[in-house]
Amino acid sequence: MAVPHILSMRPGTERTTFGDKPALLVSASTVAQLIFNSSGPRKFSPDDIWELPWVSIVDIPLNSENSWHYDGCKQCFKKQCDHHAERRCCYVAEISVADHTAAIEMKVFTATIDVMLTAIGYDPLEPISDHQKALDAIRCKNWSMRCVIVEDAAYQSRPARNSLQVVSVKERSSSFVGTPRPLFAMQAENFRPGLYPCM
């Protein structure tokens, strides 16, 4: 039975299943070209879902508190809210992923990290004592990721730009050899492919 893609958006947003929603199969170099546009950010619909069928996670950087997590609401994942619910470890990170074409950065939130940590045998509700050990375990697995392209508003001297947000993730079996459908591809001008991460 196929593992469903589970939505993993910003804290406080509704979580739904993405397994039956249409997505365009792409490579990392294609989505990189879509978001890096010298003439300014392109407009994309929130319903435009881009699926990278096979990626490896290269890095999950620590936050300002030398951790992956922050203390948040168990119901909405926000740091502060009016739910008065239990607290749990919540997550937001800018991770680096790579496939056979490029390495790119994508923003992930709590539900995505929950899937990854559960896959390597960790309890995502509890703090991680050894981040390097957890990262090494995550690097040893392969993943399918679905993402959306969002526009980040201009801030101070930084112009508006596009960025990638992961909306779902599932672990890929070691027996995965490719998709029956070809990947949507664009000829990337002056684009330098990333290196496959060494394990």
N, C-alpha and C. Protein backbone atom coordinates (compact mmCIF):
# COMPACT_ATOMS: atom_id res chain seq x y z
N MET A 1 0.84 -1.18 0.00
CA MET A 1 0.00 0.00 0.00
C MET A 1 0.88 1.24 0.00
N ALA A 2 0.57 2.19 -0.84
CA ALA A 2 1.37 3.40 -0.95
C ALA A 2 1.18 4.27 0.30
N VAL A 3 2.28 4.85 0.76
CA VAL A 3 2.21 5.76 1.89
C VAL A 3 1.71 7.11 1.39
N PRO A 4 0.64 7.67 1.99
CA PRO A 4 0.12 8.94 1.48
C PRO A 4 1.06 10.09 1.77
N HIS A 5 1.03 11.08 0.89
CA HIS A 5 1.74 12.33 1.16
C HIS A 5 0.90 13.13 2.14
N ILE A 6 1.51 13.61 3.21
CA ILE A 6 0.79 14.36 4.23
C ILE A 6 1.21 15.83 4.18
N LEU A 7 0.24 16.73 4.21
CA LEU A 7 0.51 18.15 4.15
C LEU A 7 1.35 18.60 5.33
N SER A 8 2.29 19.48 5.08
CA SER A 8 3.17 19.99 6.13
C SER A 8 3.43 21.47 5.90
N MET A 9 2.42 22.29 6.11
CA MET A 9 2.54 23.70 5.83
C MET A 9 2.94 24.48 7.09
N ARG A 10 2.79 25.78 7.03
CA ARG A 10 3.17 26.64 8.14
C ARG A 10 2.37 26.32 9.40
N PRO A 11 2.93 26.65 10.58
CA PRO A 11 2.17 26.44 11.82
C PRO A 11 0.81 27.15 11.77
N GLY A 12 -0.21 26.45 12.23
CA GLY A 12 -1.53 27.05 12.29
C GLY A 12 -2.40 26.80 11.08
N THR A 13 -1.86 26.20 10.00
CA THR A 13 -2.65 25.96 8.80
C THR A 13 -3.22 24.55 8.84
N GLU A 14 -4.28 24.33 8.07
CA GLU A 14 -4.96 23.05 8.05
C GLU A 14 -4.09 21.99 7.39
N ARG A 15 -4.11 20.79 7.94
CA ARG A 15 -3.32 19.69 7.39
C ARG A 15 -4.24 18.70 6.69
N THR A 16 -3.97 18.41 5.43
CA THR A 16 -4.77 17.48 4.66
C THR A 16 -3.85 16.51 3.93
N THR A 17 -4.45 15.51 3.29
CA THR A 17 -3.67 14.53 2.54
C THR A 17 -3.50 14.96 1.10
N PHE A 18 -2.27 14.82 0.59
CA PHE A 18 -1.97 15.22 -0.77
C PHE A 18 -1.79 14.02 -1.70
N GLY A 19 -2.02 12.81 -1.20
CA GLY A 19 -1.75 11.62 -2.00
C GLY A 19 -2.55 11.51 -3.26
N ASP A 20 -3.78 12.04 -3.27
CA ASP A 20 -4.63 11.91 -4.46
C ASP A 20 -4.70 13.20 -5.27
N LYS A 21 -3.90 14.19 -4.91
CA LYS A 21 -3.89 15.44 -5.66
C LYS A 21 -2.87 15.37 -6.79
N PRO A 22 -3.17 15.95 -7.94
CA PRO A 22 -2.21 15.89 -9.05
C PRO A 22 -0.96 16.72 -8.77
N ALA A 23 0.17 16.20 -9.16
CA ALA A 23 1.44 16.91 -9.00
C ALA A 23 2.27 16.69 -10.25
N LEU A 24 3.09 17.67 -10.59
CA LEU A 24 3.94 17.58 -11.76
C LEU A 24 5.30 17.04 -11.32
N LEU A 25 5.72 15.92 -11.90
CA LEU A 25 7.01 15.33 -11.57
C LEU A 25 8.13 16.18 -12.17
N VAL A 26 9.08 16.59 -11.33
CA VAL A 26 10.16 17.46 -11.78
C VAL A 26 11.47 17.03 -11.15
N SER A 27 12.55 17.54 -11.69
CA SER A 27 13.87 17.36 -11.09
C SER A 27 14.20 18.60 -10.28
N ALA A 28 15.23 18.50 -9.45
CA ALA A 28 15.63 19.64 -8.62
C ALA A 28 16.10 20.81 -9.49
N SER A 29 16.79 20.52 -10.58
CA SER A 29 17.28 21.61 -11.43
C SER A 29 16.13 22.37 -12.08
N THR A 30 15.02 21.69 -12.37
CA THR A 30 13.87 22.35 -12.98
C THR A 30 13.20 23.31 -12.00
N VAL A 31 12.95 22.85 -10.76
CA VAL A 31 12.33 23.77 -9.80
C VAL A 31 13.28 24.91 -9.44
N ALA A 32 14.58 24.64 -9.47
CA ALA A 32 15.54 25.71 -9.20
C ALA A 32 15.43 26.79 -10.27
N GLN A 33 15.29 26.37 -11.52
CA GLN A 33 15.15 27.36 -12.58
C GLN A 33 13.82 28.12 -12.48
N LEU A 34 12.79 27.44 -12.00
CA LEU A 34 11.49 28.09 -11.85
C LEU A 34 11.53 29.20 -10.81
N ILE A 35 12.28 29.00 -9.72
CA ILE A 35 12.27 30.00 -8.65
C ILE A 35 13.35 31.06 -8.80
N PHE A 36 14.46 30.73 -9.48
CA PHE A 36 15.53 31.73 -9.64
C PHE A 36 15.33 32.45 -10.96
N ASN A 37 14.71 33.61 -10.88
CA ASN A 37 14.38 34.38 -12.08
C ASN A 37 14.92 35.79 -11.90
N SER A 38 15.84 36.20 -12.77
CA SER A 38 16.51 37.49 -12.64
C SER A 38 15.56 38.67 -12.80
N SER A 39 14.42 38.46 -13.45
CA SER A 39 13.48 39.55 -13.69
C SER A 39 12.45 39.68 -12.57
N GLY A 40 12.62 38.92 -11.48
CA GLY A 40 11.69 39.01 -10.36
C GLY A 40 10.92 37.71 -10.19
N PRO A 41 10.18 37.59 -9.08
CA PRO A 41 9.47 36.33 -8.79
C PRO A 41 8.32 36.10 -9.76
N ARG A 42 8.19 34.84 -10.20
CA ARG A 42 7.04 34.45 -11.02
C ARG A 42 5.85 34.19 -10.10
N LYS A 43 4.66 34.27 -10.69
CA LYS A 43 3.44 34.01 -9.94
C LYS A 43 3.03 32.55 -10.12
N PHE A 44 2.79 31.86 -9.00
CA PHE A 44 2.34 30.48 -9.04
C PHE A 44 1.09 30.33 -8.19
N SER A 45 0.26 29.39 -8.57
CA SER A 45 -0.94 29.10 -7.80
C SER A 45 -0.60 28.16 -6.64
N PRO A 46 -1.28 28.32 -5.48
CA PRO A 46 -1.06 27.36 -4.38
C PRO A 46 -1.45 25.93 -4.76
N ASP A 47 -2.24 25.78 -5.84
CA ASP A 47 -2.63 24.45 -6.29
C ASP A 47 -1.58 23.80 -7.19
N ASP A 48 -0.53 24.55 -7.56
CA ASP A 48 0.55 24.00 -8.37
C ASP A 48 1.49 23.22 -7.46
N ILE A 49 1.43 21.89 -7.55
CA ILE A 49 2.25 21.04 -6.70
C ILE A 49 3.35 20.40 -7.55
N TRP A 50 4.57 20.49 -7.08
CA TRP A 50 5.73 19.97 -7.80
C TRP A 50 6.31 18.82 -6.99
N GLU A 51 6.46 17.66 -7.62
CA GLU A 51 6.96 16.48 -6.90
C GLU A 51 8.34 16.10 -7.39
N LEU A 52 9.27 16.04 -6.46
CA LEU A 52 10.59 15.48 -6.71
C LEU A 52 10.55 14.03 -6.28
N PRO A 53 10.54 13.09 -7.21
CA PRO A 53 10.26 11.70 -6.86
C PRO A 53 11.35 10.98 -6.09
N TRP A 54 12.58 11.50 -6.16
CA TRP A 54 13.69 10.82 -5.46
C TRP A 54 14.75 11.84 -5.10
N VAL A 55 14.87 12.12 -3.80
CA VAL A 55 15.89 13.05 -3.33
C VAL A 55 16.57 12.50 -2.10
N SER A 56 17.76 12.99 -1.85
CA SER A 56 18.47 12.73 -0.60
C SER A 56 18.57 14.04 0.17
N ILE A 57 18.50 13.96 1.47
CA ILE A 57 18.64 15.16 2.30
C ILE A 57 20.11 15.34 2.63
N VAL A 58 20.63 16.50 2.29
CA VAL A 58 22.05 16.78 2.47
C VAL A 58 22.31 17.40 3.84
N ASP A 59 21.46 18.34 4.25
CA ASP A 59 21.72 19.04 5.51
C ASP A 59 20.42 19.58 6.10
N ILE A 60 20.35 19.59 7.42
CA ILE A 60 19.29 20.26 8.18
C ILE A 60 20.01 21.13 9.20
N PRO A 61 20.18 22.42 8.94
CA PRO A 61 20.96 23.26 9.85
C PRO A 61 20.26 23.48 11.19
N LEU A 62 21.06 23.73 12.21
CA LEU A 62 20.53 24.03 13.53
C LEU A 62 20.01 25.46 13.56
N ASN A 63 19.04 25.72 14.43
CA ASN A 63 18.52 27.07 14.58
C ASN A 63 19.40 27.88 15.54
N SER A 64 18.95 29.07 15.89
CA SER A 64 19.74 29.96 16.74
C SER A 64 19.93 29.41 18.15
N GLU A 65 19.12 28.43 18.53
CA GLU A 65 19.25 27.82 19.85
C GLU A 65 20.00 26.50 19.79
N ASN A 66 20.75 26.28 18.70
CA ASN A 66 21.54 25.06 18.52
C ASN A 66 20.69 23.81 18.55
N SER A 67 19.54 23.88 17.90
CA SER A 67 18.62 22.76 17.90
C SER A 67 17.84 22.78 16.58
N TRP A 68 17.05 21.72 16.34
CA TRP A 68 16.13 21.71 15.21
C TRP A 68 14.74 22.19 15.62
N HIS A 69 14.44 22.12 16.92
CA HIS A 69 13.06 22.32 17.34
C HIS A 69 12.87 23.63 18.10
N TYR A 70 11.61 23.98 18.27
CA TYR A 70 11.21 25.03 19.20
C TYR A 70 10.01 24.50 19.98
N ASP A 71 9.69 25.13 21.08
CA ASP A 71 8.57 24.70 21.92
C ASP A 71 7.28 25.29 21.37
N GLY A 72 6.35 24.42 20.93
CA GLY A 72 5.13 24.91 20.30
C GLY A 72 3.89 24.17 20.77
N CYS A 73 2.76 24.63 20.28
CA CYS A 73 1.47 24.03 20.62
C CYS A 73 1.31 22.69 19.89
N LYS A 74 0.82 21.70 20.60
CA LYS A 74 0.63 20.37 20.01
C LYS A 74 -0.47 20.36 18.97
N GLN A 75 -1.39 21.33 19.04
CA GLN A 75 -2.52 21.37 18.12
C GLN A 75 -2.22 22.15 16.84
N CYS A 76 -1.60 23.33 16.97
CA CYS A 76 -1.40 24.18 15.78
C CYS A 76 0.06 24.43 15.45
N PHE A 77 1.00 23.97 16.31
CA PHE A 77 2.44 24.11 16.11
C PHE A 77 2.96 25.53 16.30
N LYS A 78 2.12 26.46 16.71
CA LYS A 78 2.58 27.83 16.93
C LYS A 78 3.27 27.96 18.28
N LYS A 79 4.21 28.93 18.37
CA LYS A 79 4.87 29.18 19.64
C LYS A 79 3.88 29.75 20.66
N GLN A 80 3.02 30.65 20.19
CA GLN A 80 2.03 31.26 21.06
C GLN A 80 0.65 31.18 20.40
N CYS A 81 -0.34 30.73 21.15
CA CYS A 81 -1.69 30.62 20.62
C CYS A 81 -2.68 30.61 21.77
N ASP A 82 -3.96 30.48 21.45
CA ASP A 82 -5.01 30.48 22.48
C ASP A 82 -5.61 29.10 22.71
N HIS A 83 -4.93 28.04 22.26
CA HIS A 83 -5.49 26.71 22.38
C HIS A 83 -5.37 26.13 23.79
N HIS A 84 -4.37 26.56 24.55
CA HIS A 84 -4.11 26.01 25.88
C HIS A 84 -3.91 24.50 25.82
N ALA A 85 -3.35 24.05 24.71
CA ALA A 85 -3.09 22.61 24.53
C ALA A 85 -1.72 22.25 25.09
N GLU A 86 -1.41 20.96 25.09
CA GLU A 86 -0.09 20.51 25.52
C GLU A 86 0.97 21.09 24.60
N ARG A 87 2.20 21.15 25.11
CA ARG A 87 3.33 21.64 24.32
C ARG A 87 4.09 20.44 23.75
N ARG A 88 4.80 20.68 22.65
CA ARG A 88 5.59 19.63 22.02
C ARG A 88 6.75 20.27 21.27
N CYS A 89 7.69 19.43 20.80
CA CYS A 89 8.75 19.91 19.93
C CYS A 89 8.17 20.15 18.54
N CYS A 90 8.29 21.36 18.05
CA CYS A 90 7.85 21.71 16.70
C CYS A 90 9.07 22.13 15.88
N TYR A 91 8.91 22.15 14.56
CA TYR A 91 10.08 22.33 13.71
C TYR A 91 9.81 23.28 12.56
N VAL A 92 10.82 24.05 12.20
CA VAL A 92 10.85 24.82 10.96
C VAL A 92 12.32 24.91 10.58
N ALA A 93 12.63 24.60 9.33
CA ALA A 93 14.03 24.59 8.91
C ALA A 93 14.13 24.81 7.41
N GLU A 94 15.28 25.27 6.99
CA GLU A 94 15.61 25.43 5.57
C GLU A 94 16.58 24.30 5.23
N ILE A 95 16.07 23.20 4.70
CA ILE A 95 16.91 22.03 4.47
C ILE A 95 17.50 22.05 3.06
N SER A 96 18.60 21.35 2.90
CA SER A 96 19.22 21.17 1.59
C SER A 96 18.94 19.75 1.11
N VAL A 97 18.42 19.62 -0.11
CA VAL A 97 18.16 18.31 -0.70
C VAL A 97 18.81 18.24 -2.07
N ALA A 98 19.05 17.04 -2.55
CA ALA A 98 19.70 16.87 -3.85
C ALA A 98 19.16 15.65 -4.56
N ASP A 99 19.05 15.75 -5.89
CA ASP A 99 18.80 14.58 -6.72
C ASP A 99 19.94 14.47 -7.71
N HIS A 100 19.72 13.78 -8.83
CA HIS A 100 20.79 13.56 -9.79
C HIS A 100 21.12 14.80 -10.62
N THR A 101 20.36 15.90 -10.44
CA THR A 101 20.56 17.08 -11.28
C THR A 101 21.07 18.29 -10.53
N ALA A 102 20.70 18.46 -9.27
CA ALA A 102 21.07 19.68 -8.55
C ALA A 102 20.82 19.53 -7.05
N ALA A 103 21.36 20.47 -6.31
CA ALA A 103 21.08 20.60 -4.88
C ALA A 103 20.30 21.90 -4.68
N ILE A 104 19.23 21.86 -3.89
CA ILE A 104 18.39 23.03 -3.68
C ILE A 104 18.02 23.14 -2.21
N GLU A 105 17.51 24.31 -1.81
CA GLU A 105 17.05 24.51 -0.44
C GLU A 105 15.53 24.60 -0.43
N MET A 106 14.93 24.00 0.59
CA MET A 106 13.48 23.98 0.73
C MET A 106 13.13 24.19 2.19
N LYS A 107 12.04 24.92 2.44
CA LYS A 107 11.60 25.13 3.82
C LYS A 107 10.65 24.00 4.22
N VAL A 108 10.88 23.45 5.41
CA VAL A 108 10.03 22.37 5.93
C VAL A 108 9.50 22.76 7.30
N PHE A 109 8.35 22.16 7.65
CA PHE A 109 7.71 22.46 8.92
C PHE A 109 7.51 21.18 9.71
N THR A 110 6.79 21.29 10.80
CA THR A 110 6.71 20.23 11.80
C THR A 110 6.29 18.87 11.24
N ALA A 111 5.19 18.82 10.49
CA ALA A 111 4.68 17.52 10.04
C ALA A 111 5.67 16.79 9.14
N THR A 112 6.44 17.56 8.35
CA THR A 112 7.47 16.94 7.49
C THR A 112 8.58 16.33 8.32
N ILE A 113 9.09 17.09 9.28
CA ILE A 113 10.16 16.58 10.15
C ILE A 113 9.65 15.39 10.96
N ASP A 114 8.37 15.43 11.37
CA ASP A 114 7.79 14.29 12.10
C ASP A 114 7.93 13.01 11.29
N VAL A 115 7.62 13.07 9.99
CA VAL A 115 7.71 11.89 9.13
C VAL A 115 9.14 11.39 9.07
N MET A 116 10.09 12.31 8.90
CA MET A 116 11.50 11.93 8.78
C MET A 116 12.02 11.29 10.07
N LEU A 117 11.72 11.93 11.20
CA LEU A 117 12.21 11.40 12.47
C LEU A 117 11.58 10.05 12.81
N THR A 118 10.29 9.90 12.51
CA THR A 118 9.63 8.61 12.75
C THR A 118 10.26 7.52 11.90
N ALA A 119 10.64 7.87 10.66
CA ALA A 119 11.24 6.88 9.74
C ALA A 119 12.59 6.37 10.24
N ILE A 120 13.29 7.17 11.04
CA ILE A 120 14.60 6.73 11.54
C ILE A 120 14.51 6.27 13.00
N GLY A 121 13.28 6.11 13.50
CA GLY A 121 13.10 5.54 14.84
C GLY A 121 13.15 6.53 15.99
N TYR A 122 13.01 7.82 15.69
CA TYR A 122 13.02 8.84 16.75
C TYR A 122 11.59 9.25 17.08
N ASP A 123 11.38 9.71 18.31
CA ASP A 123 10.10 10.28 18.70
C ASP A 123 10.14 11.78 18.41
N PRO A 124 9.37 12.25 17.41
CA PRO A 124 9.45 13.67 17.04
C PRO A 124 8.93 14.62 18.10
N LEU A 125 8.21 14.09 19.10
CA LEU A 125 7.69 14.95 20.16
C LEU A 125 8.74 15.29 21.20
N GLU A 126 9.84 14.55 21.20
CA GLU A 126 10.88 14.72 22.20
C GLU A 126 12.12 15.39 21.61
N PRO A 127 12.86 16.16 22.42
CA PRO A 127 14.08 16.81 21.91
C PRO A 127 15.11 15.78 21.46
N ILE A 128 15.90 16.14 20.46
CA ILE A 128 16.95 15.27 19.95
C ILE A 128 18.25 15.61 20.66
N SER A 129 18.90 14.61 21.22
CA SER A 129 20.14 14.87 21.97
C SER A 129 21.36 14.91 21.05
N ASP A 130 21.34 14.13 19.99
CA ASP A 130 22.49 14.08 19.07
C ASP A 130 21.99 14.36 17.65
N HIS A 131 22.07 15.63 17.24
CA HIS A 131 21.56 16.02 15.93
C HIS A 131 22.37 15.41 14.78
N GLN A 132 23.68 15.28 14.96
CA GLN A 132 24.50 14.72 13.89
C GLN A 132 24.14 13.26 13.63
N LYS A 133 23.89 12.51 14.69
CA LYS A 133 23.50 11.10 14.53
C LYS A 133 22.17 11.00 13.81
N ALA A 134 21.21 11.87 14.17
CA ALA A 134 19.91 11.86 13.51
C ALA A 134 20.04 12.26 12.04
N LEU A 135 20.87 13.28 11.77
CA LEU A 135 21.08 13.72 10.38
C LEU A 135 21.72 12.62 9.55
N ASP A 136 22.68 11.92 10.11
CA ASP A 136 23.33 10.82 9.38
C ASP A 136 22.31 9.74 9.03
N ALA A 137 21.40 9.45 9.96
CA ALA A 137 20.37 8.43 9.70
C ALA A 137 19.41 8.90 8.60
N ILE A 138 19.05 10.18 8.62
CA ILE A 138 18.16 10.73 7.58
C ILE A 138 18.86 10.72 6.23
N ARG A 139 20.15 11.01 6.21
CA ARG A 139 20.91 11.01 4.95
C ARG A 139 20.98 9.62 4.32
N CYS A 140 20.87 8.59 5.13
CA CYS A 140 20.96 7.22 4.62
C CYS A 140 19.68 6.77 3.91
N LYS A 141 18.64 7.58 3.99
CA LYS A 141 17.37 7.23 3.36
C LYS A 141 17.11 8.14 2.16
N ASN A 142 16.21 7.67 1.28
CA ASN A 142 15.79 8.48 0.14
C ASN A 142 14.31 8.83 0.31
N TRP A 143 13.91 9.96 -0.29
CA TRP A 143 12.59 10.51 -0.05
C TRP A 143 11.94 10.99 -1.33
N SER A 144 10.62 11.02 -1.32
CA SER A 144 9.85 11.72 -2.34
C SER A 144 9.25 12.94 -1.66
N MET A 145 9.42 14.10 -2.29
CA MET A 145 8.93 15.34 -1.69
C MET A 145 8.04 16.09 -2.65
N ARG A 146 6.95 16.60 -2.12
CA ARG A 146 6.09 17.50 -2.87
C ARG A 146 6.24 18.90 -2.29
N CYS A 147 6.28 19.89 -3.17
CA CYS A 147 6.48 21.25 -2.70
C CYS A 147 5.61 22.22 -3.49
N VAL A 148 5.46 23.41 -2.95
CA VAL A 148 4.81 24.51 -3.64
C VAL A 148 5.81 25.65 -3.72
N ILE A 149 5.61 26.51 -4.70
CA ILE A 149 6.46 27.69 -4.86
C ILE A 149 5.68 28.88 -4.33
N VAL A 150 6.24 29.55 -3.34
CA VAL A 150 5.58 30.70 -2.72
C VAL A 150 6.43 31.95 -2.94
N GLU A 151 5.78 33.09 -2.87
CA GLU A 151 6.49 34.36 -3.02
C GLU A 151 6.77 34.95 -1.65
N ASP A 152 8.05 35.18 -1.37
CA ASP A 152 8.45 35.87 -0.14
C ASP A 152 8.46 37.36 -0.42
N ALA A 153 7.75 38.12 0.38
CA ALA A 153 7.65 39.56 0.16
C ALA A 153 9.01 40.23 0.34
N ALA A 154 9.18 41.38 -0.30
CA ALA A 154 10.41 42.16 -0.15
C ALA A 154 10.61 42.54 1.31
N TYR A 155 11.85 42.54 1.75
CA TYR A 155 12.16 42.89 3.14
C TYR A 155 13.41 43.77 3.17
N GLN A 156 13.25 45.00 3.64
CA GLN A 156 14.34 45.98 3.69
C GLN A 156 14.96 46.10 2.30
N SER A 157 16.24 45.79 2.15
CA SER A 157 16.89 45.93 0.84
C SER A 157 16.75 44.70 -0.04
N ARG A 158 16.17 43.62 0.51
CA ARG A 158 16.02 42.39 -0.27
C ARG A 158 14.74 42.45 -1.10
N PRO A 159 14.83 42.21 -2.40
CA PRO A 159 13.62 42.23 -3.24
C PRO A 159 12.74 41.01 -3.00
N ALA A 160 11.51 41.06 -3.49
CA ALA A 160 10.63 39.89 -3.41
C ALA A 160 11.25 38.73 -4.18
N ARG A 161 10.98 37.52 -3.75
CA ARG A 161 11.59 36.34 -4.37
C ARG A 161 10.69 35.13 -4.19
N ASN A 162 10.93 34.11 -5.00
CA ASN A 162 10.24 32.83 -4.85
C ASN A 162 11.06 31.91 -3.95
N SER A 163 10.36 31.04 -3.23
CA SER A 163 11.04 30.01 -2.45
C SER A 163 10.20 28.74 -2.47
N LEU A 164 10.80 27.65 -2.06
CA LEU A 164 10.13 26.34 -2.06
C LEU A 164 9.72 25.95 -0.65
N GLN A 165 8.49 25.48 -0.51
CA GLN A 165 8.02 24.94 0.76
C GLN A 165 7.55 23.51 0.55
N VAL A 166 8.07 22.60 1.35
CA VAL A 166 7.66 21.20 1.27
C VAL A 166 6.27 21.07 1.87
N VAL A 167 5.35 20.48 1.11
CA VAL A 167 4.00 20.25 1.63
C VAL A 167 3.77 18.79 2.02
N SER A 168 4.64 17.90 1.56
CA SER A 168 4.52 16.51 1.98
C SER A 168 5.80 15.76 1.68
N VAL A 169 5.98 14.67 2.38
CA VAL A 169 7.18 13.84 2.21
C VAL A 169 6.81 12.39 2.49
N LYS A 170 7.46 11.48 1.78
CA LYS A 170 7.35 10.07 2.13
C LYS A 170 8.67 9.38 1.84
N GLU A 171 8.94 8.36 2.61
CA GLU A 171 10.19 7.63 2.44
C GLU A 171 10.12 6.76 1.19
N ARG A 172 11.20 6.74 0.43
CA ARG A 172 11.30 5.90 -0.75
C ARG A 172 11.98 4.58 -0.40
N SER A 173 11.43 3.50 -0.90
CA SER A 173 12.03 2.19 -0.70
C SER A 173 13.33 2.08 -1.49
N SER A 174 14.23 1.27 -1.01
CA SER A 174 15.49 1.04 -1.71
C SER A 174 15.27 0.35 -3.05
N SER A 175 14.08 -0.22 -3.25
CA SER A 175 13.78 -0.90 -4.51
C SER A 175 13.25 0.06 -5.58
N PHE A 176 13.06 1.33 -5.22
CA PHE A 176 12.55 2.32 -6.18
C PHE A 176 13.56 2.53 -7.30
N VAL A 177 13.09 2.38 -8.55
CA VAL A 177 14.00 2.52 -9.71
C VAL A 177 13.55 3.62 -10.67
N GLY A 178 12.50 4.33 -10.36
CA GLY A 178 12.06 5.40 -11.24
C GLY A 178 10.55 5.47 -11.34
N THR A 179 10.07 6.50 -12.00
CA THR A 179 8.63 6.70 -12.17
C THR A 179 8.19 6.26 -13.56
N PRO A 180 6.95 5.79 -13.70
CA PRO A 180 6.47 5.40 -15.03
C PRO A 180 6.30 6.59 -15.97
N ARG A 181 6.09 7.76 -15.38
CA ARG A 181 5.94 8.98 -16.20
C ARG A 181 7.27 9.72 -16.25
N PRO A 182 7.60 10.35 -17.37
CA PRO A 182 8.83 11.14 -17.44
C PRO A 182 8.72 12.41 -16.62
N LEU A 183 9.87 12.94 -16.20
CA LEU A 183 9.89 14.19 -15.45
C LEU A 183 9.71 15.37 -16.40
N PHE A 184 8.95 16.36 -15.93
CA PHE A 184 8.87 17.62 -16.66
C PHE A 184 10.23 18.29 -16.56
N ALA A 185 10.76 18.76 -17.65
CA ALA A 185 12.11 19.32 -17.65
C ALA A 185 12.16 20.62 -18.41
N MET A 186 13.05 21.49 -17.97
CA MET A 186 13.33 22.74 -18.67
C MET A 186 14.83 22.79 -18.91
N GLN A 187 15.22 23.35 -20.03
CA GLN A 187 16.64 23.53 -20.30
C GLN A 187 17.15 24.68 -19.45
N ALA A 188 17.98 24.38 -18.47
CA ALA A 188 18.45 25.40 -17.54
C ALA A 188 19.61 26.18 -18.13
N GLU A 189 19.42 27.48 -18.29
CA GLU A 189 20.46 28.32 -18.86
C GLU A 189 21.48 28.67 -17.80
N ASN A 190 22.76 28.41 -18.11
CA ASN A 190 23.87 28.72 -17.20
C ASN A 190 23.69 28.09 -15.82
N PHE A 191 23.08 26.91 -15.80
CA PHE A 191 22.86 26.25 -14.52
C PHE A 191 23.87 25.14 -14.32
N ARG A 192 24.46 25.11 -13.13
CA ARG A 192 25.48 24.11 -12.84
C ARG A 192 24.89 23.02 -11.96
N PRO A 193 24.78 21.79 -12.45
CA PRO A 193 24.16 20.73 -11.65
C PRO A 193 24.92 20.50 -10.34
N GLY A 194 24.16 20.14 -9.31
CA GLY A 194 24.77 19.84 -8.03
C GLY A 194 25.36 18.44 -8.03
N LEU A 195 26.20 18.15 -7.06
CA LEU A 195 26.82 16.84 -6.94
C LEU A 195 25.95 15.95 -6.07
N TYR A 196 25.91 14.69 -6.43
CA TYR A 196 25.18 13.73 -5.60
C TYR A 196 25.84 13.65 -4.24
N PRO A 197 25.10 13.77 -3.15
CA PRO A 197 25.72 13.80 -1.81
C PRO A 197 26.40 12.49 -1.46
N CYS A 198 27.57 12.58 -0.86
CA CYS A 198 28.30 11.40 -0.42
C CYS A 198 27.76 10.95 0.93
N MET A 199 27.54 9.67 1.06
CA MET A 199 26.99 9.12 2.32
C MET A 199 28.13 8.59 3.17
